[in-house]
Amino acid sequence: MIPEFEKLNNDEVDLMFKAPLLTAILVAGADDTVDRSELKEAVNIITLRPQKSRKELVDYYTLVAEDVEDKLKVLLHEFPSNTIKRTDMITDELKKLNSIFPKLDKNFSIRFYESLIEIALRIAESSGGVFGFMSVGYEESRVIDLKMIKDPSQL
């Protein structure tokens, strides 16, 4: 268990561990298709998070990175293939983070939020642009800012 999660109930802890995966699915599926490059990028990003994260998130991402590819596939199949329905469901889930952040250490919640934004951007860039890199498509651009989540640094 992550010490920052001691004040959270089981559903809140579960959402915290799923949030990076939900973010990846939201962005990857924004253009109607969750393609292999986006899923591969999600796995790579999350797998490397323990080494690249700020110290506040190392333990968290070490746990999230365990079996991340399997977790991502299972979670993806829990959502409808219809883009609008899937986006609405994931958006509703991610909105719940707004009530969790005040229960967490402010610095942890800020770093966590920033990491979700970075994941969203990296996933979006993985399938656009020249040879599939470094450009964000229109559909992804509408979701990468994760507007459903309030920036905890502004609270």
N, C-alpha and C. Protein backbone atom coordinates (compact mmCIF):
# COMPACT_ATOMS: atom_id res chain seq x y z
N MET A 1 0.85 -1.19 0.00
CA MET A 1 0.00 0.00 0.00
C MET A 1 0.89 1.24 0.00
N ILE A 2 0.47 2.20 -0.73
CA ILE A 2 1.14 3.49 -0.80
C ILE A 2 0.72 4.30 0.43
N PRO A 3 1.67 4.83 1.20
CA PRO A 3 1.31 5.58 2.41
C PRO A 3 0.32 6.72 2.15
N GLU A 4 0.41 7.36 0.99
CA GLU A 4 -0.49 8.46 0.66
C GLU A 4 -1.95 8.01 0.54
N PHE A 5 -2.16 6.72 0.37
CA PHE A 5 -3.51 6.21 0.16
C PHE A 5 -4.20 5.75 1.44
N GLU A 6 -3.57 5.93 2.59
CA GLU A 6 -4.11 5.44 3.86
C GLU A 6 -5.49 6.02 4.18
N LYS A 7 -5.77 7.22 3.74
CA LYS A 7 -7.06 7.87 4.04
C LYS A 7 -8.14 7.53 3.03
N LEU A 8 -7.80 6.73 2.02
CA LEU A 8 -8.73 6.42 0.94
C LEU A 8 -9.45 5.09 1.20
N ASN A 9 -10.68 4.99 0.72
CA ASN A 9 -11.38 3.71 0.79
C ASN A 9 -10.92 2.84 -0.39
N ASN A 10 -11.37 1.60 -0.41
CA ASN A 10 -10.91 0.65 -1.44
C ASN A 10 -11.23 1.09 -2.86
N ASP A 11 -12.42 1.65 -3.07
CA ASP A 11 -12.79 2.12 -4.41
C ASP A 11 -11.89 3.26 -4.87
N GLU A 12 -11.55 4.14 -3.95
CA GLU A 12 -10.69 5.27 -4.28
C GLU A 12 -9.27 4.80 -4.60
N VAL A 13 -8.78 3.85 -3.83
CA VAL A 13 -7.45 3.28 -4.10
C VAL A 13 -7.45 2.61 -5.47
N ASP A 14 -8.49 1.85 -5.74
CA ASP A 14 -8.61 1.18 -7.04
C ASP A 14 -8.57 2.19 -8.19
N LEU A 15 -9.31 3.27 -8.05
CA LEU A 15 -9.33 4.29 -9.09
C LEU A 15 -7.95 4.93 -9.25
N MET A 16 -7.28 5.18 -8.16
CA MET A 16 -5.94 5.78 -8.25
C MET A 16 -4.99 4.87 -9.05
N PHE A 17 -5.10 3.57 -8.84
CA PHE A 17 -4.24 2.65 -9.58
C PHE A 17 -4.67 2.48 -11.03
N LYS A 18 -5.94 2.70 -11.33
CA LYS A 18 -6.42 2.58 -12.71
C LYS A 18 -6.29 3.88 -13.49
N ALA A 19 -6.13 5.01 -12.85
CA ALA A 19 -6.16 6.31 -13.53
C ALA A 19 -5.18 6.42 -14.70
N PRO A 20 -3.92 6.00 -14.58
CA PRO A 20 -3.04 6.09 -15.75
C PRO A 20 -3.52 5.23 -16.91
N LEU A 21 -4.08 4.08 -16.60
CA LEU A 21 -4.59 3.19 -17.64
C LEU A 21 -5.83 3.77 -18.28
N LEU A 22 -6.72 4.34 -17.47
CA LEU A 22 -7.91 4.99 -18.00
C LEU A 22 -7.53 6.15 -18.91
N THR A 23 -6.54 6.90 -18.49
CA THR A 23 -6.05 8.02 -19.29
C THR A 23 -5.55 7.53 -20.64
N ALA A 24 -4.77 6.47 -20.61
CA ALA A 24 -4.24 5.91 -21.85
C ALA A 24 -5.36 5.44 -22.78
N ILE A 25 -6.35 4.75 -22.23
CA ILE A 25 -7.46 4.26 -23.05
C ILE A 25 -8.28 5.42 -23.59
N LEU A 26 -8.52 6.42 -22.76
CA LEU A 26 -9.29 7.59 -23.19
C LEU A 26 -8.65 8.24 -24.41
N VAL A 27 -7.35 8.51 -24.32
CA VAL A 27 -6.66 9.20 -25.41
C VAL A 27 -6.48 8.29 -26.61
N ALA A 28 -6.08 7.05 -26.36
CA ALA A 28 -5.86 6.12 -27.47
C ALA A 28 -7.13 5.87 -28.26
N GLY A 29 -8.27 5.87 -27.59
CA GLY A 29 -9.52 5.60 -28.26
C GLY A 29 -10.28 6.81 -28.74
N ALA A 30 -9.72 7.98 -28.59
CA ALA A 30 -10.42 9.22 -28.96
C ALA A 30 -10.74 9.29 -30.45
N ASP A 31 -9.92 8.65 -31.26
CA ASP A 31 -10.12 8.70 -32.71
C ASP A 31 -10.85 7.47 -33.24
N ASP A 32 -11.59 6.79 -32.40
CA ASP A 32 -12.38 5.60 -32.74
C ASP A 32 -11.58 4.31 -32.70
N THR A 33 -10.28 4.38 -32.79
CA THR A 33 -9.47 3.17 -32.87
C THR A 33 -8.37 3.20 -31.82
N VAL A 34 -8.34 2.17 -30.99
CA VAL A 34 -7.22 2.00 -30.07
C VAL A 34 -6.22 1.14 -30.82
N ASP A 35 -5.19 1.79 -31.36
CA ASP A 35 -4.26 1.02 -32.18
C ASP A 35 -3.08 0.49 -31.36
N ARG A 36 -2.38 -0.45 -31.95
CA ARG A 36 -1.27 -1.12 -31.26
C ARG A 36 -0.18 -0.16 -30.83
N SER A 37 0.11 0.83 -31.66
CA SER A 37 1.19 1.76 -31.29
C SER A 37 0.83 2.55 -30.04
N GLU A 38 -0.44 2.88 -29.90
CA GLU A 38 -0.88 3.62 -28.72
C GLU A 38 -0.83 2.73 -27.47
N LEU A 39 -1.27 1.48 -27.60
CA LEU A 39 -1.20 0.56 -26.47
C LEU A 39 0.24 0.26 -26.09
N LYS A 40 1.08 0.07 -27.10
CA LYS A 40 2.50 -0.19 -26.84
C LYS A 40 3.13 1.02 -26.14
N GLU A 41 2.79 2.20 -26.60
CA GLU A 41 3.32 3.41 -25.96
C GLU A 41 2.84 3.52 -24.52
N ALA A 42 1.59 3.19 -24.27
CA ALA A 42 1.06 3.23 -22.90
C ALA A 42 1.83 2.28 -21.99
N VAL A 43 2.06 1.07 -22.47
CA VAL A 43 2.82 0.09 -21.69
C VAL A 43 4.23 0.61 -21.44
N ASN A 44 4.87 1.14 -22.48
CA ASN A 44 6.24 1.66 -22.33
C ASN A 44 6.30 2.82 -21.34
N ILE A 45 5.38 3.74 -21.47
CA ILE A 45 5.37 4.91 -20.60
C ILE A 45 5.21 4.48 -19.14
N ILE A 46 4.22 3.65 -18.90
CA ILE A 46 3.93 3.26 -17.52
C ILE A 46 5.02 2.36 -16.95
N THR A 47 5.59 1.50 -17.79
CA THR A 47 6.68 0.64 -17.34
C THR A 47 7.91 1.46 -16.95
N LEU A 48 8.16 2.54 -17.67
CA LEU A 48 9.33 3.37 -17.37
C LEU A 48 9.07 4.42 -16.29
N ARG A 49 7.83 4.61 -15.90
CA ARG A 49 7.48 5.62 -14.90
C ARG A 49 8.27 5.50 -13.60
N PRO A 50 8.49 4.29 -13.05
CA PRO A 50 9.24 4.25 -11.79
C PRO A 50 10.64 4.87 -11.89
N GLN A 51 11.28 4.75 -13.05
CA GLN A 51 12.61 5.33 -13.21
C GLN A 51 12.56 6.81 -13.56
N LYS A 52 11.48 7.27 -14.16
CA LYS A 52 11.42 8.63 -14.66
C LYS A 52 10.55 9.56 -13.82
N SER A 53 9.87 9.01 -12.83
CA SER A 53 8.96 9.82 -12.02
C SER A 53 9.71 10.60 -10.96
N ARG A 54 9.04 11.63 -10.52
CA ARG A 54 9.54 12.33 -9.34
C ARG A 54 9.45 11.37 -8.17
N LYS A 55 10.27 11.61 -7.16
CA LYS A 55 10.37 10.66 -6.05
C LYS A 55 9.04 10.36 -5.38
N GLU A 56 8.12 11.31 -5.40
CA GLU A 56 6.81 11.10 -4.76
C GLU A 56 6.01 9.98 -5.42
N LEU A 57 6.30 9.72 -6.68
CA LEU A 57 5.50 8.76 -7.44
C LEU A 57 6.20 7.44 -7.76
N VAL A 58 7.44 7.28 -7.33
CA VAL A 58 8.20 6.08 -7.68
C VAL A 58 7.52 4.82 -7.15
N ASP A 59 7.16 4.79 -5.87
CA ASP A 59 6.52 3.60 -5.31
C ASP A 59 5.18 3.33 -5.98
N TYR A 60 4.44 4.38 -6.23
CA TYR A 60 3.14 4.25 -6.88
C TYR A 60 3.30 3.62 -8.27
N TYR A 61 4.15 4.19 -9.11
CA TYR A 61 4.30 3.67 -10.47
C TYR A 61 4.99 2.32 -10.52
N THR A 62 5.76 1.98 -9.50
CA THR A 62 6.33 0.63 -9.43
C THR A 62 5.21 -0.39 -9.33
N LEU A 63 4.19 -0.09 -8.52
CA LEU A 63 3.04 -0.99 -8.40
C LEU A 63 2.17 -0.98 -9.65
N VAL A 64 1.93 0.19 -10.21
CA VAL A 64 1.10 0.29 -11.42
C VAL A 64 1.76 -0.46 -12.58
N ALA A 65 3.08 -0.41 -12.66
CA ALA A 65 3.80 -1.01 -13.78
C ALA A 65 3.78 -2.54 -13.77
N GLU A 66 3.47 -3.15 -12.62
CA GLU A 66 3.42 -4.61 -12.56
C GLU A 66 2.31 -5.13 -13.48
N ASP A 67 2.66 -6.00 -14.40
CA ASP A 67 1.68 -6.61 -15.32
C ASP A 67 0.82 -5.57 -16.03
N VAL A 68 1.40 -4.43 -16.35
CA VAL A 68 0.61 -3.32 -16.90
C VAL A 68 -0.05 -3.68 -18.23
N GLU A 69 0.61 -4.46 -19.05
CA GLU A 69 0.01 -4.80 -20.34
C GLU A 69 -1.27 -5.62 -20.13
N ASP A 70 -1.23 -6.58 -19.22
CA ASP A 70 -2.42 -7.38 -18.94
C ASP A 70 -3.52 -6.52 -18.32
N LYS A 71 -3.14 -5.66 -17.39
CA LYS A 71 -4.12 -4.77 -16.75
C LYS A 71 -4.79 -3.88 -17.78
N LEU A 72 -4.01 -3.37 -18.70
CA LEU A 72 -4.53 -2.48 -19.74
C LEU A 72 -5.52 -3.22 -20.65
N LYS A 73 -5.17 -4.42 -21.06
CA LYS A 73 -6.05 -5.20 -21.93
C LYS A 73 -7.36 -5.55 -21.23
N VAL A 74 -7.28 -5.96 -19.96
CA VAL A 74 -8.49 -6.30 -19.21
C VAL A 74 -9.37 -5.07 -19.06
N LEU A 75 -8.78 -3.95 -18.69
CA LEU A 75 -9.54 -2.73 -18.50
C LEU A 75 -10.18 -2.27 -19.81
N LEU A 76 -9.44 -2.36 -20.89
CA LEU A 76 -9.97 -1.96 -22.21
C LEU A 76 -11.23 -2.76 -22.56
N HIS A 77 -11.24 -4.03 -22.23
CA HIS A 77 -12.39 -4.88 -22.56
C HIS A 77 -13.59 -4.63 -21.64
N GLU A 78 -13.38 -3.89 -20.56
CA GLU A 78 -14.49 -3.55 -19.66
C GLU A 78 -15.35 -2.41 -20.21
N PHE A 79 -14.83 -1.73 -21.22
CA PHE A 79 -15.53 -0.58 -21.78
C PHE A 79 -16.11 -0.91 -23.14
N PRO A 80 -17.20 -0.22 -23.51
CA PRO A 80 -17.79 -0.47 -24.82
C PRO A 80 -16.86 -0.04 -25.96
N SER A 81 -17.04 -0.64 -27.11
CA SER A 81 -16.23 -0.26 -28.26
C SER A 81 -16.68 1.07 -28.85
N ASN A 82 -17.91 1.46 -28.59
CA ASN A 82 -18.42 2.74 -29.06
C ASN A 82 -17.63 3.88 -28.41
N THR A 83 -17.03 4.72 -29.24
CA THR A 83 -16.15 5.78 -28.75
C THR A 83 -16.85 6.74 -27.80
N ILE A 84 -18.03 7.18 -28.14
CA ILE A 84 -18.74 8.16 -27.31
C ILE A 84 -19.07 7.57 -25.95
N LYS A 85 -19.59 6.36 -25.94
CA LYS A 85 -19.93 5.71 -24.66
C LYS A 85 -18.69 5.47 -23.82
N ARG A 86 -17.62 4.98 -24.46
CA ARG A 86 -16.38 4.71 -23.73
C ARG A 86 -15.81 6.00 -23.16
N THR A 87 -15.79 7.04 -23.97
CA THR A 87 -15.26 8.33 -23.52
C THR A 87 -16.07 8.87 -22.34
N ASP A 88 -17.39 8.78 -22.43
CA ASP A 88 -18.24 9.24 -21.34
C ASP A 88 -18.00 8.46 -20.06
N MET A 89 -17.87 7.15 -20.18
CA MET A 89 -17.65 6.32 -18.99
C MET A 89 -16.30 6.61 -18.35
N ILE A 90 -15.27 6.73 -19.16
CA ILE A 90 -13.93 7.01 -18.62
C ILE A 90 -13.89 8.41 -18.03
N THR A 91 -14.52 9.36 -18.69
CA THR A 91 -14.58 10.73 -18.17
C THR A 91 -15.24 10.74 -16.79
N ASP A 92 -16.33 10.01 -16.65
CA ASP A 92 -17.02 9.94 -15.35
C ASP A 92 -16.12 9.33 -14.28
N GLU A 93 -15.36 8.33 -14.65
CA GLU A 93 -14.43 7.71 -13.69
C GLU A 93 -13.33 8.70 -13.28
N LEU A 94 -12.73 9.34 -14.27
CA LEU A 94 -11.64 10.26 -13.97
C LEU A 94 -12.11 11.48 -13.17
N LYS A 95 -13.36 11.89 -13.34
CA LYS A 95 -13.90 13.01 -12.55
C LYS A 95 -13.86 12.71 -11.05
N LYS A 96 -13.95 11.47 -10.71
CA LYS A 96 -13.94 11.06 -9.30
C LYS A 96 -12.61 11.40 -8.61
N LEU A 97 -11.57 11.60 -9.40
CA LEU A 97 -10.28 12.00 -8.81
C LEU A 97 -10.39 13.34 -8.10
N ASN A 98 -11.31 14.18 -8.55
CA ASN A 98 -11.48 15.50 -7.94
C ASN A 98 -11.86 15.42 -6.46
N SER A 99 -12.58 14.38 -6.08
CA SER A 99 -12.94 14.23 -4.67
C SER A 99 -11.86 13.47 -3.89
N ILE A 100 -10.95 12.83 -4.60
CA ILE A 100 -9.86 12.09 -3.95
C ILE A 100 -8.68 13.00 -3.66
N PHE A 101 -8.35 13.89 -4.56
CA PHE A 101 -7.17 14.76 -4.39
C PHE A 101 -7.12 15.48 -3.05
N PRO A 102 -8.22 16.03 -2.55
CA PRO A 102 -8.13 16.72 -1.25
C PRO A 102 -7.75 15.80 -0.08
N LYS A 103 -7.92 14.50 -0.25
CA LYS A 103 -7.57 13.54 0.80
C LYS A 103 -6.09 13.17 0.77
N LEU A 104 -5.42 13.55 -0.30
CA LEU A 104 -4.00 13.20 -0.50
C LEU A 104 -3.11 14.37 -0.13
N ASP A 105 -1.85 14.06 0.08
CA ASP A 105 -0.84 15.10 0.24
C ASP A 105 -0.87 15.96 -1.02
N LYS A 106 -0.88 17.26 -0.85
CA LYS A 106 -1.05 18.16 -2.00
C LYS A 106 0.07 17.97 -3.03
N ASN A 107 1.30 17.83 -2.57
CA ASN A 107 2.41 17.66 -3.50
C ASN A 107 2.25 16.36 -4.29
N PHE A 108 1.81 15.29 -3.63
CA PHE A 108 1.58 14.02 -4.32
C PHE A 108 0.49 14.19 -5.38
N SER A 109 -0.61 14.83 -5.01
CA SER A 109 -1.72 14.97 -5.97
C SER A 109 -1.31 15.84 -7.16
N ILE A 110 -0.51 16.86 -6.92
CA ILE A 110 -0.03 17.71 -8.03
C ILE A 110 0.85 16.89 -8.98
N ARG A 111 1.80 16.17 -8.43
CA ARG A 111 2.71 15.35 -9.26
C ARG A 111 1.93 14.26 -10.00
N PHE A 112 0.95 13.67 -9.33
CA PHE A 112 0.12 12.64 -9.94
C PHE A 112 -0.65 13.21 -11.13
N TYR A 113 -1.28 14.35 -10.93
CA TYR A 113 -2.03 15.02 -11.99
C TYR A 113 -1.10 15.33 -13.17
N GLU A 114 0.06 15.87 -12.89
CA GLU A 114 1.03 16.20 -13.95
C GLU A 114 1.43 14.94 -14.73
N SER A 115 1.57 13.83 -14.01
CA SER A 115 1.96 12.59 -14.69
C SER A 115 0.85 12.09 -15.61
N LEU A 116 -0.41 12.27 -15.22
CA LEU A 116 -1.52 11.88 -16.09
C LEU A 116 -1.54 12.73 -17.36
N ILE A 117 -1.30 14.01 -17.21
CA ILE A 117 -1.25 14.91 -18.37
C ILE A 117 -0.12 14.49 -19.31
N GLU A 118 1.02 14.15 -18.74
CA GLU A 118 2.15 13.72 -19.57
C GLU A 118 1.84 12.41 -20.29
N ILE A 119 1.21 11.47 -19.60
CA ILE A 119 0.82 10.21 -20.23
C ILE A 119 -0.13 10.48 -21.39
N ALA A 120 -1.11 11.33 -21.17
CA ALA A 120 -2.08 11.67 -22.22
C ALA A 120 -1.38 12.24 -23.45
N LEU A 121 -0.47 13.15 -23.26
CA LEU A 121 0.24 13.77 -24.37
C LEU A 121 1.10 12.75 -25.12
N ARG A 122 1.81 11.92 -24.37
CA ARG A 122 2.68 10.93 -25.02
C ARG A 122 1.88 9.90 -25.81
N ILE A 123 0.73 9.49 -25.30
CA ILE A 123 -0.11 8.54 -26.03
C ILE A 123 -0.63 9.20 -27.31
N ALA A 124 -1.08 10.44 -27.20
CA ALA A 124 -1.60 11.15 -28.37
C ALA A 124 -0.53 11.31 -29.44
N GLU A 125 0.68 11.59 -29.03
CA GLU A 125 1.77 11.78 -30.00
C GLU A 125 2.21 10.47 -30.64
N SER A 126 1.90 9.34 -30.02
CA SER A 126 2.40 8.06 -30.51
C SER A 126 1.78 7.61 -31.82
N SER A 127 0.64 8.18 -32.20
CA SER A 127 0.02 7.69 -33.43
C SER A 127 -0.25 8.77 -34.46
N GLY A 128 0.27 9.95 -34.27
CA GLY A 128 0.01 11.02 -35.24
C GLY A 128 1.29 11.46 -35.91
N GLY A 129 1.19 12.49 -36.70
CA GLY A 129 2.36 13.15 -37.27
C GLY A 129 3.11 12.36 -38.31
N VAL A 130 4.35 12.77 -38.53
CA VAL A 130 5.23 12.16 -39.52
C VAL A 130 5.68 10.80 -39.01
N PHE A 131 5.42 9.77 -39.78
CA PHE A 131 5.75 8.39 -39.43
C PHE A 131 5.16 7.99 -38.08
N GLY A 132 4.06 8.63 -37.71
CA GLY A 132 3.36 8.24 -36.50
C GLY A 132 3.86 8.88 -35.22
N PHE A 133 4.71 9.89 -35.30
CA PHE A 133 5.27 10.47 -34.08
C PHE A 133 5.19 11.99 -34.07
N MET A 134 5.10 12.52 -32.89
CA MET A 134 5.26 13.94 -32.57
C MET A 134 4.17 14.85 -33.12
N SER A 135 3.00 14.34 -33.29
CA SER A 135 1.89 15.19 -33.67
C SER A 135 0.64 14.63 -33.02
N VAL A 136 -0.24 15.52 -32.65
CA VAL A 136 -1.47 15.12 -31.98
C VAL A 136 -2.63 15.34 -32.93
N GLY A 137 -3.42 14.29 -33.15
CA GLY A 137 -4.58 14.40 -34.01
C GLY A 137 -5.68 15.22 -33.35
N TYR A 138 -6.65 15.62 -34.17
CA TYR A 138 -7.74 16.46 -33.69
C TYR A 138 -8.51 15.80 -32.54
N GLU A 139 -8.88 14.53 -32.70
CA GLU A 139 -9.67 13.85 -31.69
C GLU A 139 -8.92 13.77 -30.36
N GLU A 140 -7.65 13.41 -30.42
CA GLU A 140 -6.85 13.32 -29.21
C GLU A 140 -6.69 14.69 -28.55
N SER A 141 -6.57 15.74 -29.39
CA SER A 141 -6.37 17.09 -28.84
C SER A 141 -7.55 17.53 -27.98
N ARG A 142 -8.72 16.94 -28.23
CA ARG A 142 -9.91 17.30 -27.46
C ARG A 142 -9.92 16.68 -26.07
N VAL A 143 -9.09 15.65 -25.83
CA VAL A 143 -9.11 14.98 -24.53
C VAL A 143 -7.79 15.02 -23.77
N ILE A 144 -6.68 15.38 -24.41
CA ILE A 144 -5.38 15.27 -23.74
C ILE A 144 -5.19 16.20 -22.56
N ASP A 145 -5.98 17.26 -22.49
CA ASP A 145 -5.82 18.17 -21.36
C ASP A 145 -6.56 17.69 -20.11
N LEU A 146 -7.31 16.60 -20.23
CA LEU A 146 -8.01 15.98 -19.11
C LEU A 146 -8.81 17.01 -18.31
N LYS A 147 -9.62 17.78 -19.01
CA LYS A 147 -10.40 18.85 -18.38
C LYS A 147 -11.34 18.37 -17.29
N MET A 148 -11.67 17.09 -17.30
CA MET A 148 -12.58 16.56 -16.28
C MET A 148 -11.91 16.49 -14.91
N ILE A 149 -10.58 16.60 -14.89
CA ILE A 149 -9.84 16.57 -13.63
C ILE A 149 -9.36 17.98 -13.32
N LYS A 150 -9.68 18.44 -12.13
CA LYS A 150 -9.24 19.76 -11.71
C LYS A 150 -7.78 19.71 -11.28
N ASP A 151 -7.02 20.66 -11.73
CA ASP A 151 -5.60 20.76 -11.37
C ASP A 151 -5.50 21.00 -9.87
N PRO A 152 -4.92 20.04 -9.11
CA PRO A 152 -4.85 20.19 -7.66
C PRO A 152 -3.97 21.36 -7.20
N SER A 153 -3.12 21.85 -8.08
CA SER A 153 -2.31 23.02 -7.69
C SER A 153 -3.16 24.28 -7.64
N GLN A 154 -4.34 24.24 -8.26
CA GLN A 154 -5.24 25.39 -8.28
C GLN A 154 -6.29 25.33 -7.18
N LEU A 155 -6.27 24.29 -6.37
CA LEU A 155 -7.27 24.14 -5.31
C LEU A 155 -6.80 24.77 -4.03
